[in-house]
Amino acid sequence: LNGTLPDELYGTTSLRVLNLASNEFGGEISTKIGDLEDLTDLELQYNKFEGAIPSTLASLDEIKRVDLSFNLFTGSMPSEVCDLRGDSFLFVDLVSDCGGSPAQVSCDCCSTCEPGYT
């Protein structure tokens, strides 16, 4: 699958798992990702998403796992996401491309740092 994520996706509020791993989705992740209030598992690894990681991920109160590795994100993991991870005993797994040299994403709160695309 490829392209960008359709806006209609963000209207499915009862969605618990979103696994779009290993596709060719691209573009930026909409700030509307935070509207998926029942989401527990977000798997976006191995795609071509780019730009900043949206701070609205911190609105996902039920989230347990987020994998954003092997994409083209840049910048820092939003502090709001790190704060949520620190405050929630449920949010145990946060993976991004913070392990390369230089790191694509700066992340002090990630549980796993992948090298990302070089």
Protein backbone atom coordinates (compact mmCIF):
# COMPACT_ATOMS: atom_id res chain seq x y z
CA LEU A 1 0.00 0.00 0.00
CA ASN A 2 1.15 3.54 -0.64
CA GLY A 3 0.04 7.16 -0.57
CA THR A 4 -0.93 9.29 2.39
CA LEU A 5 -3.29 8.37 5.19
CA PRO A 6 -6.84 9.44 4.37
CA ASP A 7 -8.60 11.89 6.70
CA GLU A 8 -11.45 9.38 7.09
CA LEU A 9 -9.09 7.16 9.08
CA TYR A 10 -9.03 9.66 11.92
CA GLY A 11 -12.82 9.48 12.32
CA THR A 12 -12.75 5.84 13.44
CA THR A 13 -12.72 6.56 17.16
CA SER A 14 -13.23 2.94 18.25
CA LEU A 15 -10.04 1.81 16.51
CA ARG A 16 -7.73 0.00 18.94
CA VAL A 17 -4.88 -1.25 16.72
CA LEU A 18 -3.51 0.52 13.68
CA ASN A 19 -0.86 -1.59 11.97
CA LEU A 20 0.34 -0.13 8.68
CA ALA A 21 3.88 -1.47 8.98
CA SER A 22 5.97 -2.39 5.94
CA ASN A 23 4.16 -0.40 3.29
CA GLU A 24 5.03 2.69 1.32
CA PHE A 25 2.84 5.25 3.03
CA GLY A 26 4.34 8.72 3.08
CA GLY A 27 3.77 12.35 3.87
CA GLU A 28 3.25 13.79 7.29
CA ILE A 29 1.18 12.22 10.04
CA SER A 30 -1.84 14.41 10.67
CA THR A 31 -2.30 16.02 14.06
CA LYS A 32 -5.70 14.29 13.94
CA ILE A 33 -3.90 11.09 15.01
CA GLY A 34 -4.68 12.24 18.54
CA ASP A 35 -8.42 11.84 17.81
CA LEU A 36 -8.04 8.03 17.86
CA GLU A 37 -8.75 8.01 21.58
CA ASP A 38 -9.14 4.21 21.98
CA LEU A 39 -5.90 3.37 20.17
CA THR A 40 -3.61 1.04 22.11
CA ASP A 41 -1.14 0.01 19.40
CA LEU A 42 0.28 2.20 16.60
CA GLU A 43 2.57 0.37 14.17
CA LEU A 44 3.88 2.66 11.41
CA GLN A 45 7.40 1.27 11.00
CA TYR A 46 8.99 0.69 7.58
CA ASN A 47 7.16 3.35 5.61
CA LYS A 48 8.11 6.76 4.23
CA PHE A 49 6.43 9.09 6.70
CA GLU A 50 8.28 12.38 7.07
CA GLY A 51 8.35 15.65 8.92
CA ALA A 52 7.78 16.15 12.61
CA ILE A 53 6.24 13.57 14.91
CA PRO A 54 2.92 15.11 16.01
CA SER A 55 2.65 16.10 19.66
CA THR A 56 -1.01 15.05 19.55
CA LEU A 57 0.16 11.45 20.03
CA ALA A 58 0.13 12.47 23.69
CA SER A 59 -3.69 12.56 23.51
CA LEU A 60 -3.76 8.77 23.16
CA ASP A 61 -4.44 7.93 26.80
CA GLU A 62 -4.86 4.19 26.12
CA ILE A 63 -1.65 3.77 24.05
CA LYS A 64 0.71 0.93 24.98
CA ARG A 65 2.99 0.68 21.95
CA VAL A 66 4.12 3.16 19.27
CA ASP A 67 6.63 2.12 16.60
CA LEU A 68 7.69 4.92 14.25
CA SER A 69 11.03 3.40 13.23
CA PHE A 70 12.41 3.21 9.72
CA ASN A 71 10.64 6.27 8.39
CA LEU A 72 11.89 9.70 7.42
CA PHE A 73 10.81 11.65 10.51
CA THR A 74 13.11 14.44 11.69
CA GLY A 75 13.41 16.60 14.76
CA SER A 76 12.71 15.59 18.33
CA MET A 77 10.18 13.35 19.95
CA PRO A 78 7.63 15.82 21.32
CA SER A 79 8.01 16.41 25.04
CA GLU A 80 4.28 15.78 25.46
CA VAL A 81 4.76 12.21 24.19
CA CYS A 82 7.68 11.69 26.56
CA ASP A 83 5.60 13.08 29.44
CA LEU A 84 2.77 10.65 28.65
CA ARG A 85 5.22 7.76 28.55
CA GLY A 86 6.60 8.79 31.94
CA ASP A 87 3.14 9.21 33.49
CA SER A 88 1.52 6.04 32.17
CA PHE A 89 2.41 2.55 33.33
CA LEU A 90 0.61 1.25 30.21
CA PHE A 91 2.79 3.07 27.64
CA VAL A 92 5.73 0.67 27.70
CA ASP A 93 7.11 0.65 24.16
CA LEU A 94 8.14 3.71 22.15
CA VAL A 95 10.40 3.06 19.15
CA SER A 96 11.89 5.63 16.76
CA ASP A 97 14.93 6.30 14.58
CA CYS A 98 17.09 7.72 17.35
CA GLY A 99 19.97 5.25 17.14
CA GLY A 100 21.82 6.31 13.98
CA SER A 101 24.81 8.55 13.72
CA PRO A 102 23.55 11.18 13.47
CA ALA A 103 20.11 10.28 14.79
CA GLN A 104 17.16 11.19 12.57
CA VAL A 105 15.01 11.78 15.64
CA SER A 106 16.19 12.95 19.03
CA CYS A 107 14.46 10.94 21.73
CA ASP A 108 15.35 10.76 25.41
CA CYS A 109 12.30 8.67 26.32
CA CYS A 110 12.29 5.96 23.65
CA SER A 111 12.45 2.37 24.84
CA THR A 112 14.22 1.34 21.62
CA CYS A 113 16.31 3.41 19.19
CA GLU A 114 16.67 2.02 15.69
CA PRO A 115 19.31 3.30 13.25
CA GLY A 116 16.69 4.34 10.67
CA TYR A 117 17.34 4.69 6.98
CA THR A 118 20.83 5.78 6.03
